[in-house]
C-alpha atoms as a PDB file:
ATOM      1  CA  MET A   1      87.271  25.839 -64.197  1.00  0.00           C
ATOM      2  CA  GLN A   2      83.439  26.862 -64.184  1.00  0.00           C
ATOM      3  CA  ILE A   3      80.712  25.800 -62.136  1.00  0.00           C
ATOM      4  CA  ASN A   4      77.270  25.520 -63.251  1.00  0.00           C
ATOM      5  CA  THR A   5      74.282  26.251 -61.656  1.00  0.00           C
ATOM      6  CA  ASN A   6      70.461  26.492 -62.283  1.00  0.00           C
ATOM      7  CA  LEU A   7      69.441  28.643 -59.261  1.00  0.00           C
ATOM      8  CA  GLU A   8      66.141  29.930 -61.345  1.00  0.00           C
ATOM      9  CA  SER A   9      64.883  26.504 -61.680  1.00  0.00           C
ATOM     10  CA  LEU A  10      65.325  25.636 -57.767  1.00  0.00           C
ATOM     11  CA  ASN A  11      63.242  28.939 -56.781  1.00  0.00           C
ATOM     12  CA  ALA A  12      60.605  28.143 -59.537  1.00  0.00           C
ATOM     13  CA  GLN A  13      60.353  24.612 -58.272  1.00  0.00           C
ATOM     14  CA  ARG A  14      60.198  25.908 -54.238  1.00  0.00           C
ATOM     15  CA  SER A  15      57.532  28.736 -55.540  1.00  0.00           C
ATOM     16  CA  TYR A  16      55.705  25.694 -56.868  1.00  0.00           C
ATOM     17  CA  THR A  17      55.651  23.462 -53.980  1.00  0.00           C
ATOM     18  CA  ARG A  18      54.531  26.376 -51.410  1.00  0.00           C
ATOM     19  CA  SER A  19      51.963  27.531 -53.798  1.00  0.00           C
ATOM     20  CA  GLY A  20      50.327  23.782 -53.911  1.00  0.00           C
ATOM     21  CA  ALA A  21      50.527  23.834 -50.357  1.00  0.00           C
ATOM     22  CA  ASP A  22      48.700  26.915 -50.047  1.00  0.00           C
ATOM     23  CA  LEU A  23      46.493  25.640 -52.476  1.00  0.00           C
ATOM     24  CA  ALA A  24      45.339  22.699 -50.681  1.00  0.00           C
ATOM     25  CA  VAL A  25      44.811  24.411 -47.652  1.00  0.00           C
ATOM     26  CA  HIS A  26      42.442  26.902 -49.508  1.00  0.00           C
ATOM     27  CA  VAL A  27      40.879  23.941 -51.134  1.00  0.00           C
ATOM     28  CA  GLN A  28      40.364  22.214 -47.843  1.00  0.00           C
ATOM     29  CA  ARG A  29      38.762  25.384 -46.188  1.00  0.00           C
ATOM     30  CA  LEU A  30      36.768  25.198 -48.877  1.00  0.00           C
ATOM     31  CA  SER A  31      35.352  22.420 -48.651  1.00  0.00           C
ATOM     32  CA  SER A  32      34.683  22.102 -45.157  1.00  0.00           C
ATOM     33  CA  GLY A  33      34.198  25.807 -44.847  1.00  0.00           C
ATOM     34  CA  LEU A  34      35.768  25.727 -41.801  1.00  0.00           C
ATOM     35  CA  ARG A  35      38.836  28.692 -41.231  1.00  0.00           C
ATOM     36  CA  ILE A  36      40.524  26.079 -38.802  1.00  0.00           C
ATOM     37  CA  ASN A  37      40.881  23.051 -39.703  1.00  0.00           C
ATOM     38  CA  SER A  38      44.057  21.866 -37.395  1.00  0.00           C
ATOM     39  CA  ALA A  39      46.171  23.244 -35.174  1.00  0.00           C
ATOM     40  CA  SER A  40      48.605  24.262 -37.716  1.00  0.00           C
ATOM     41  CA  ASP A  41      46.026  26.700 -39.045  1.00  0.00           C
ATOM     42  CA  ASP A  42      45.076  27.898 -35.492  1.00  0.00           C
ATOM     43  CA  ALA A  43      46.328  26.526 -32.328  1.00  0.00           C
ATOM     44  CA  ALA A  44      44.585  28.765 -29.943  1.00  0.00           C
ATOM     45  CA  GLY A  45      41.850  29.259 -32.072  1.00  0.00           C
ATOM     46  CA  GLN A  46      41.464  25.408 -32.357  1.00  0.00           C
ATOM     47  CA  ALA A  47      41.526  24.908 -28.531  1.00  0.00           C
ATOM     48  CA  ILE A  48      38.539  27.161 -28.147  1.00  0.00           C
ATOM     49  CA  GLY A  49      36.592  25.699 -30.947  1.00  0.00           C
ATOM     50  CA  SER A  50      37.106  22.318 -29.198  1.00  0.00           C
ATOM     51  CA  ARG A  51      36.029  23.323 -25.929  1.00  0.00           C
ATOM     52  CA  MET A  52      32.777  24.961 -27.386  1.00  0.00           C
ATOM     53  CA  THR A  53      32.435  21.330 -29.651  1.00  0.00           C
ATOM     54  CA  ALA A  54      32.460  19.366 -26.549  1.00  0.00           C
ATOM     55  CA  ALA A  55      29.845  21.663 -24.395  1.00  0.00           C
ATOM     56  CA  VAL A  56      27.755  22.187 -27.647  1.00  0.00           C
ATOM     57  CA  ASN A  57      27.263  18.159 -27.444  1.00  0.00           C
ATOM     58  CA  GLY A  58      27.292  17.528 -24.030  1.00  0.00           C
ATOM     59  CA  LEU A  59      23.923  20.441 -23.794  1.00  0.00           C
ATOM     60  CA  HIS A  60      22.496  17.756 -26.820  1.00  0.00           C
ATOM     61  CA  ARG A  61      22.476  14.980 -24.852  1.00  0.00           C
ATOM     62  CA  ALA A  62      21.204  16.734 -21.548  1.00  0.00           C
ATOM     63  CA  ALA A  63      18.542  17.756 -23.971  1.00  0.00           C
ATOM     64  CA  GLN A  64      18.063  13.786 -25.051  1.00  0.00           C
ATOM     65  CA  ASN A  65      18.417  13.166 -21.199  1.00  0.00           C
ATOM     66  CA  ILE A  66      15.754  15.653 -20.064  1.00  0.00           C
ATOM     67  CA  ASN A  67      13.522  13.972 -23.083  1.00  0.00           C
ATOM     68  CA  ASP A  68      14.080  10.578 -21.247  1.00  0.00           C
ATOM     69  CA  GLY A  69      13.355  11.803 -18.275  1.00  0.00           C
ATOM     70  CA  ILE A  70       9.890  13.382 -19.047  1.00  0.00           C
ATOM     71  CA  SER A  71       8.771   9.838 -20.512  1.00  0.00           C
ATOM     72  CA  LEU A  72       9.651   8.560 -17.544  1.00  0.00           C
ATOM     73  CA  VAL A  73       7.481  10.649 -15.182  1.00  0.00           C
ATOM     74  CA  GLN A  74       4.669  10.503 -18.056  1.00  0.00           C
ATOM     75  CA  LEU A  75       4.801   6.816 -17.668  1.00  0.00           C
ATOM     76  CA  ALA A  76       4.456   7.486 -13.863  1.00  0.00           C
ATOM     77  CA  ASP A  77       1.605   9.780 -14.376  1.00  0.00           C
ATOM     78  CA  GLY A  78      -0.317   7.573 -16.767  1.00  0.00           C
ATOM     79  CA  ALA A  79      -0.041   4.680 -14.150  1.00  0.00           C
ATOM     80  CA  ALA A  80      -0.942   6.731 -11.616  1.00  0.00           C
ATOM     81  CA  GLY A  81      -3.755   8.284 -13.016  1.00  0.00           C
ATOM     82  CA  ARG A  82      -5.375   4.798 -14.102  1.00  0.00           C
ATOM     83  CA  LEU A  83      -4.842   3.451 -10.443  1.00  0.00           C
ATOM     84  CA  THR A  84      -6.971   6.432  -9.010  1.00  0.00           C
ATOM     85  CA  GLU A  85      -9.850   6.084 -11.584  1.00  0.00           C
ATOM     86  CA  ASN A  86     -10.155   2.744  -9.666  1.00  0.00           C
ATOM     87  CA  TYR A  87      -9.772   4.021  -6.504  1.00  0.00           C
ATOM     88  CA  GLN A  88     -12.759   6.490  -7.672  1.00  0.00           C
ATOM     89  CA  ARG A  89     -14.979   3.265  -8.580  1.00  0.00           C
ATOM     90  CA  MET A  90     -14.251   1.544  -5.454  1.00  0.00           C
ATOM     91  CA  ARG A  91     -15.436   4.365  -3.605  1.00  0.00           C
ATOM     92  CA  GLU A  92     -18.611   4.740  -6.005  1.00  0.00           C
ATOM     93  CA  LEU A  93     -19.199   0.921  -5.140  1.00  0.00           C
ATOM     94  CA  ALA A  94     -18.671   1.353  -1.783  1.00  0.00           C
ATOM     95  CA  VAL A  95     -21.629   4.178  -1.520  1.00  0.00           C
ATOM     96  CA  GLN A  96     -23.962   1.712  -3.680  1.00  0.00           C
ATOM     97  CA  ALA A  97     -23.269  -0.754  -1.028  1.00  0.00           C
ATOM     98  CA  ALA A  98     -24.213   0.947   1.596  1.00  0.00           C
ATOM     99  CA  ASN A  99     -27.843   1.535   0.536  1.00  0.00           C
ATOM    100  CA  ASP A 100     -30.001  -1.403   1.859  1.00  0.00           C
ATOM    101  CA  SER A 101     -32.249  -1.591  -1.888  1.00  0.00           C
ATOM    102  CA  ASN A 102     -29.387  -4.171  -2.281  1.00  0.00           C
ATOM    103  CA  SER A 103     -29.731  -7.942  -1.642  1.00  0.00           C
ATOM    104  CA  LYS A 104     -26.893  -9.946  -0.558  1.00  0.00           C
ATOM    105  CA  LEU A 105     -26.323 -11.300  -3.506  1.00  0.00           C
ATOM    106  CA  ASP A 106     -25.869  -7.586  -4.963  1.00  0.00           C
ATOM    107  CA  ARG A 107     -23.422  -6.557  -2.453  1.00  0.00           C
ATOM    108  CA  GLN A 108     -21.381 -10.306  -3.270  1.00  0.00           C
ATOM    109  CA  SER A 109     -21.390  -8.814  -6.982  1.00  0.00           C
ATOM    110  CA  LEU A 110     -20.223  -5.393  -5.783  1.00  0.00           C
ATOM    111  CA  GLN A 111     -17.209  -6.943  -4.186  1.00  0.00           C
ATOM    112  CA  GLN A 112     -16.359  -9.107  -6.750  1.00  0.00           C
ATOM    113  CA  GLU A 113     -15.735  -5.600  -8.804  1.00  0.00           C
ATOM    114  CA  VAL A 114     -14.015  -4.249  -5.981  1.00  0.00           C
ATOM    115  CA  ASP A 115     -11.709  -7.411  -5.488  1.00  0.00           C
ATOM    116  CA  ALA A 116     -10.944  -7.437  -8.902  1.00  0.00           C
ATOM    117  CA  LEU A 117     -10.027  -3.513  -8.803  1.00  0.00           C
ATOM    118  CA  VAL A 118      -8.240  -4.052  -6.320  1.00  0.00           C
ATOM    119  CA  ALA A 119      -5.990  -6.845  -8.167  1.00  0.00           C
ATOM    120  CA  ALA A 120      -5.690  -4.876 -11.443  1.00  0.00           C
ATOM    121  CA  ASN A 121      -4.062  -1.487  -9.127  1.00  0.00           C
ATOM    122  CA  VAL A 122      -1.720  -4.021  -7.648  1.00  0.00           C
ATOM    123  CA  ASP A 123      -0.997  -5.274 -11.547  1.00  0.00           C
ATOM    124  CA  ILE A 124      -0.325  -1.499 -12.174  1.00  0.00           C
ATOM    125  CA  VAL A 125       2.251  -1.261  -9.946  1.00  0.00           C
ATOM    126  CA  ASP A 126       4.268  -4.222 -10.478  1.00  0.00           C
ATOM    127  CA  SER A 127       4.231  -3.918 -14.352  1.00  0.00           C
ATOM    128  CA  THR A 128       5.004  -0.326 -14.652  1.00  0.00           C
ATOM    129  CA  ARG A 129       8.476  -0.008 -15.570  1.00  0.00           C
ATOM    130  CA  PHE A 130      11.084   1.899 -17.346  1.00  0.00           C
ATOM    131  CA  ASN A 131      13.759   0.632 -18.868  1.00  0.00           C
ATOM    132  CA  ASN A 132      12.804  -2.569 -16.570  1.00  0.00           C
ATOM    133  CA  GLN A 133      12.773  -0.522 -13.736  1.00  0.00           C
ATOM    134  CA  PRO A 134       9.733  -0.388 -11.349  1.00  0.00           C
ATOM    135  CA  LEU A 135       8.608   2.916 -11.339  1.00  0.00           C
ATOM    136  CA  LEU A 136       5.650   2.868  -8.355  1.00  0.00           C
ATOM    137  CA  ASP A 137       6.749   0.454  -5.432  1.00  0.00           C
ATOM    138  CA  GLY A 138       8.748   2.780  -3.723  1.00  0.00           C
ATOM    139  CA  SER A 139      12.295   1.529  -4.825  1.00  0.00           C
ATOM    140  CA  PHE A 140      13.131   4.310  -7.505  1.00  0.00           C
ATOM    141  CA  SER A 141      15.389   7.025  -6.855  1.00  0.00           C
ATOM    142  CA  ARG A 142      17.385   7.997  -9.519  1.00  0.00           C
ATOM    143  CA  GLN A 143      19.807  11.182 -10.608  1.00  0.00           C
ATOM    144  CA  LEU A 144      18.809  12.880 -14.164  1.00  0.00           C
ATOM    145  CA  GLN A 145      21.914  14.495 -15.689  1.00  0.00           C
ATOM    146  CA  VAL A 146      20.054  17.751 -17.144  1.00  0.00           C
ATOM    147  CA  GLY A 147      23.513  19.844 -18.163  1.00  0.00           C
ATOM    148  CA  ALA A 148      26.540  19.402 -19.397  1.00  0.00           C
ATOM    149  CA  ASN A 149      29.000  19.866 -16.443  1.00  0.00           C
ATOM    150  CA  ALA A 150      29.092  17.580 -13.475  1.00  0.00           C
ATOM    151  CA  GLY A 151      26.947  18.572 -10.403  1.00  0.00           C
ATOM    152  CA  ASP A 152      23.986  19.350 -13.420  1.00  0.00           C
ATOM    153  CA  SER A 153      21.764  17.025 -12.311  1.00  0.00           C
ATOM    154  CA  LEU A 154      18.527  16.647 -10.881  1.00  0.00           C
ATOM    155  CA  GLU A 155      16.963  13.912  -8.307  1.00  0.00           C
ATOM    156  CA  LEU A 156      13.980  12.284  -8.639  1.00  0.00           C
ATOM    157  CA  ARG A 157      11.994   9.906  -6.437  1.00  0.00           C
ATOM    158  CA  LEU A 158       8.907   8.408  -6.745  1.00  0.00           C
ATOM    159  CA  PRO A 159       6.691   7.285  -3.664  1.00  0.00           C
ATOM    160  CA  ARG A 160       5.117   3.848  -3.562  1.00  0.00           C
ATOM    161  CA  ALA A 161       1.341   4.609  -5.104  1.00  0.00           C
ATOM    162  CA  VAL A 162       0.122   1.187  -3.218  1.00  0.00           C
ATOM    163  CA  ILE A 163       1.012   0.746   0.644  1.00  0.00           C
ATOM    164  CA  MET A 164      -0.236  -2.576   0.572  1.00  0.00           C
ATOM    165  CA  PRO A 165      -3.648  -4.600  -0.672  1.00  0.00           C
ATOM    166  CA  GLY A 166      -6.049  -5.081   2.621  1.00  0.00           C
ATOM    167  CA  SER A 167      -3.341  -3.042   4.884  1.00  0.00           C
ATOM    168  CA  ALA A 168      -6.092  -0.567   5.484  1.00  0.00           C
ATOM    169  CA  LEU A 169      -7.255  -0.523   9.453  1.00  0.00           C
ATOM    170  CA  GLY A 170     -10.770   1.076  10.419  1.00  0.00           C
ATOM    171  CA  TRP A 171     -13.671   0.678  12.921  1.00  0.00           C
ATOM    172  CA  VAL A 172     -17.261   0.306  11.839  1.00  0.00           C
ATOM    173  CA  ASN A 173     -19.944   0.726  14.189  1.00  0.00           C
ATOM    174  CA  VAL A 174     -22.703  -1.448  14.084  1.00  0.00           C
ATOM    175  CA  ALA A 175     -25.674  -1.327  15.342  1.00  0.00           C
ATOM    176  CA  PRO A 176     -27.226  -3.840  17.838  1.00  0.00           C
ATOM    177  CA  GLN A 177     -28.818  -6.780  15.973  1.00  0.00           C
ATOM    178  CA  GLN A 178     -31.601  -8.573  17.128  1.00  0.00           C
ATOM    179  CA  ALA A 179     -30.841 -12.752  17.721  1.00  0.00           C
ATOM    180  CA  SER A 180     -33.515 -15.029  15.995  1.00  0.00           C
ATOM    181  CA  THR A 181     -33.992 -17.077  18.861  1.00  0.00           C
ATOM    182  CA  ALA A 182     -36.472 -20.934  18.803  1.00  0.00           C
ATOM    183  CA  GLY A 183     -37.359 -23.582  21.058  1.00  0.00           C
ATOM    184  CA  THR A 184     -39.512 -23.810  24.650  1.00  0.00           C
ATOM    185  CA  ALA A 185     -38.575 -21.884  28.045  1.00  0.00           C
ATOM    186  CA  VAL A 186     -35.390 -23.568  29.596  1.00  0.00           C
ATOM    187  CA  LEU A 187     -35.874 -24.807  33.136  1.00  0.00           C
ATOM    188  CA  GLY A 188     -33.144 -27.135  33.857  1.00  0.00           C
ATOM    189  CA  ALA A 189     -29.976 -28.605  31.477  1.00  0.00           C
ATOM    190  CA  LEU A 190     -30.303 -27.512  28.382  1.00  0.00           C
ATOM    191  CA  GLN A 191     -30.428 -30.743  25.400  1.00  0.00           C
ATOM    192  CA  TYR A 192     -29.118 -30.524  21.878  1.00  0.00           C
ATOM    193  CA  GLY A 193     -31.448 -28.732  19.958  1.00  0.00           C
ATOM    194  CA  ASP A 194     -33.728 -27.417  22.490  1.00  0.00           C
ATOM    195  CA  LEU A 195     -32.359 -23.995  21.540  1.00  0.00           C
ATOM    196  CA  ILE A 196     -32.475 -22.798  18.065  1.00  0.00           C
ATOM    197  CA  ILE A 197     -30.816 -19.240  17.850  1.00  0.00           C
ATOM    198  CA  ASN A 198     -30.521 -17.642  13.963  1.00  0.00           C
ATOM    199  CA  ASN A 199     -31.510 -21.154  12.678  1.00  0.00           C
ATOM    200  CA  ALA A 200     -28.206 -22.838  14.055  1.00  0.00           C
ATOM    201  CA  ALA A 201     -28.727 -25.338  17.179  1.00  0.00           C
ATOM    202  CA  VAL A 202     -27.052 -25.357  20.355  1.00  0.00           C
ATOM    203  CA  GLY A 203     -25.451 -28.253  22.181  1.00  0.00           C
ATOM    204  CA  ALA A 204     -26.649 -29.660  25.323  1.00  0.00           C
ATOM    205  CA  SER A 205     -25.320 -27.936  28.610  1.00  0.00           C
ATOM    206  CA  VAL A 206     -22.211 -29.491  30.453  1.00  0.00           C
ATOM    207  CA  ALA A 207     -21.662 -28.996  33.878  1.00  0.00           C
ATOM    208  CA  GLY A 208     -18.516 -27.137  35.046  1.00  0.00           C
ATOM    209  CA  ALA A 209     -15.994 -27.818  37.790  1.00  0.00           C
ATOM    210  CA  GLN A 210     -16.620 -25.652  40.746  1.00  0.00           C
ATOM    211  CA  PRO A 211     -19.986 -25.803  42.840  1.00  0.00           C
ATOM    212  CA  ALA A 212     -22.923 -24.028  41.123  1.00  0.00           C
ATOM    213  CA  GLN A 213     -21.956 -24.790  37.711  1.00  0.00           C
ATOM    214  CA  GLY A 214     -24.503 -27.952  37.337  1.00  0.00           C
ATOM    215  CA  ALA A 215     -25.815 -28.508  34.119  1.00  0.00           C
ATOM    216  CA  ASP A 216     -28.567 -26.414  34.280  1.00  0.00           C
ATOM    217  CA  SER A 217     -26.881 -23.101  35.649  1.00  0.00           C
ATOM    218  CA  ALA A 218     -26.425 -20.025  33.655  1.00  0.00           C
ATOM    219  CA  TYR A 219     -22.904 -21.061  33.058  1.00  0.00           C
ATOM    220  CA  ALA A 220     -23.338 -24.214  31.804  1.00  0.00           C
ATOM    221  CA  LEU A 221     -26.300 -22.575  29.554  1.00  0.00           C
ATOM    222  CA  ALA A 222     -23.733 -19.799  28.445  1.00  0.00           C
ATOM    223  CA  ALA A 223     -21.023 -22.436  27.794  1.00  0.00           C
ATOM    224  CA  ALA A 224     -23.356 -24.512  25.824  1.00  0.00           C
ATOM    225  CA  ILE A 225     -24.291 -21.113  23.856  1.00  0.00           C
ATOM    226  CA  ASN A 226     -20.428 -19.842  23.265  1.00  0.00           C
ATOM    227  CA  ALA A 227     -19.679 -23.249  22.503  1.00  0.00           C
ATOM    228  CA  ALA A 228     -21.990 -23.605  19.286  1.00  0.00           C
ATOM    229  CA  SER A 229     -19.756 -20.400  17.635  1.00  0.00           C
ATOM    230  CA  ILE A 230     -22.662 -18.638  16.169  1.00  0.00           C
ATOM    231  CA  THR A 231     -21.679 -15.344  14.221  1.00  0.00           C
ATOM    232  CA  ASP A 232     -21.849 -12.342  16.469  1.00  0.00           C
ATOM    233  CA  ILE A 233     -23.831 -14.422  19.223  1.00  0.00           C
ATOM    234  CA  SER A 234     -22.333 -14.604  22.661  1.00  0.00           C
ATOM    235  CA  ALA A 235     -23.462 -15.825  26.154  1.00  0.00           C
ATOM    236  CA  SER A 236     -22.149 -14.624  29.307  1.00  0.00           C
ATOM    237  CA  ALA A 237     -23.216 -15.844  33.292  1.00  0.00           C
ATOM    238  CA  VAL A 238     -24.149 -13.033  35.838  1.00  0.00           C
ATOM    239  CA  THR A 239     -24.080 -13.502  39.719  1.00  0.00           C
ATOM    240  CA  THR A 240     -27.699 -12.123  41.439  1.00  0.00           C
ATOM    241  CA  LEU A 241     -28.726 -12.095  44.813  1.00  0.00           C
ATOM    242  CA  THR A 242     -32.228 -13.242  45.538  1.00  0.00           C
ATOM    243  CA  GLY A 243     -33.630 -12.856  49.335  1.00  0.00           C
ATOM    244  CA  ALA A 244     -35.793 -11.249  52.187  1.00  0.00           C
ATOM    245  CA  VAL A 245     -33.911  -8.983  54.473  1.00  0.00           C
ATOM    246  CA  GLY A 246     -36.299  -9.138  58.088  1.00  0.00           C
ATOM    247  CA  ALA A 247     -36.744  -6.194  60.263  1.00  0.00           C
ATOM    248  CA  SER A 248     -33.888  -6.905  62.592  1.00  0.00           C
ATOM    249  CA  GLY A 249     -31.712  -6.857  59.717  1.00  0.00           C
ATOM    250  CA  SER A 250     -30.482 -10.245  59.809  1.00  0.00           C
ATOM    251  CA  LEU A 251     -31.855 -13.459  57.552  1.00  0.00           C
ATOM    252  CA  GLY A 252     -32.614 -16.601  58.044  1.00  0.00           C
ATOM    253  CA  ASN A 253     -31.443 -20.145  56.861  1.00  0.00           C
ATOM    254  CA  GLY A 254     -32.552 -20.580  53.272  1.00  0.00           C
ATOM    255  CA  ALA A 255     -33.606 -16.869  52.911  1.00  0.00           C
ATOM    256  CA  LEU A 256     -30.732 -16.065  50.596  1.00  0.00           C
ATOM    257  CA  ALA A 257     -29.696 -17.976  47.721  1.00  0.00           C
ATOM    258  CA  VAL A 258     -26.822 -17.226  45.073  1.00  0.00           C
ATOM    259  CA  ASN A 259     -27.129 -18.306  41.673  1.00  0.00           C
ATOM    260  CA  GLY A 260     -29.823 -21.206  42.762  1.00  0.00           C
ATOM    261  CA  VAL A 261     -27.638 -21.742  46.062  1.00  0.00           C
ATOM    262  CA  ALA A 262     -29.069 -21.455  49.674  1.00  0.00           C
ATOM    263  CA  VAL A 263     -27.086 -19.472  51.929  1.00  0.00           C
ATOM    264  CA  GLY A 264     -26.762 -20.263  55.734  1.00  0.00           C
ATOM    265  CA  ALA A 265     -28.821 -17.503  58.689  1.00  0.00           C
ATOM    266  CA  ILE A 266     -27.391 -14.346  58.509  1.00  0.00           C
ATOM    267  CA  SER A 267     -27.155 -12.172  61.893  1.00  0.00           C
ATOM    268  CA  GLY A 268     -25.603  -9.004  63.543  1.00  0.00           C
ATOM    269  CA  ALA A 269     -22.693 -11.581  64.603  1.00  0.00           C
ATOM    270  CA  ASN A 270     -21.657 -13.344  61.772  1.00  0.00           C
ATOM    271  CA  ALA A 271     -22.903 -10.427  59.103  1.00  0.00           C
ATOM    272  CA  ALA A 272     -19.029  -9.536  58.431  1.00  0.00           C
ATOM    273  CA  ALA A 273     -17.988 -13.352  58.158  1.00  0.00           C
ATOM    274  CA  ARG A 274     -20.926 -13.805  55.572  1.00  0.00           C
ATOM    275  CA  ALA A 275     -19.860 -10.677  53.848  1.00  0.00           C
END
């Protein structure tokens, strides 16, 4: 019995299959331009290349994050510049209004422009946003990822650009002003219209509840002036003593008056009690 084999054919077929596989690898390398296209080509090289690719991609993304942060800061800087221009204009208007050559209407017009600038600054603060995030209201505090690894971040905080509209406090020194009065000398109780201050009529004087506070007293006159509520005008009553001291150091009955009320006689014996 004889067994026929075809070893030469099998060898040729195996060589052809191997050559085809090698050819596919080389074609893939030629078409991709890469030496390692899969882990079977070089497992260690594939791992190193994957790590490098991840780092490069992270750096690209970090660069885009930095550009976004630059855009955010540029937006806030532009809005802050506009606020500064408005504040400079308000200061110019304040200096202009301080000049006495301006009339009352001129100063009112200047104040209207100042009010408009203040409202514009408030609008700028409220409307300046980046990705719907307010930038100038004092609430912005974010972390910007500027690197490919954890911890490669930058904290960005933006303070409030405008504290509060109309919240500034200060003192203004005003020179004493002289009020314009009209009317006859007041010798008794005051009637409505007897005294006119700055074109405002003062009402009638009314007696108080205490002694020596009659309708014709200084107390009643001061109360009537204050009751008129005239701008920058106020009155007060001051107690005065009138009388003549005798050579003996004593006062007779009626020689001393306090706000028009006579005081009894004062001698050495009752001086302490009278005081």
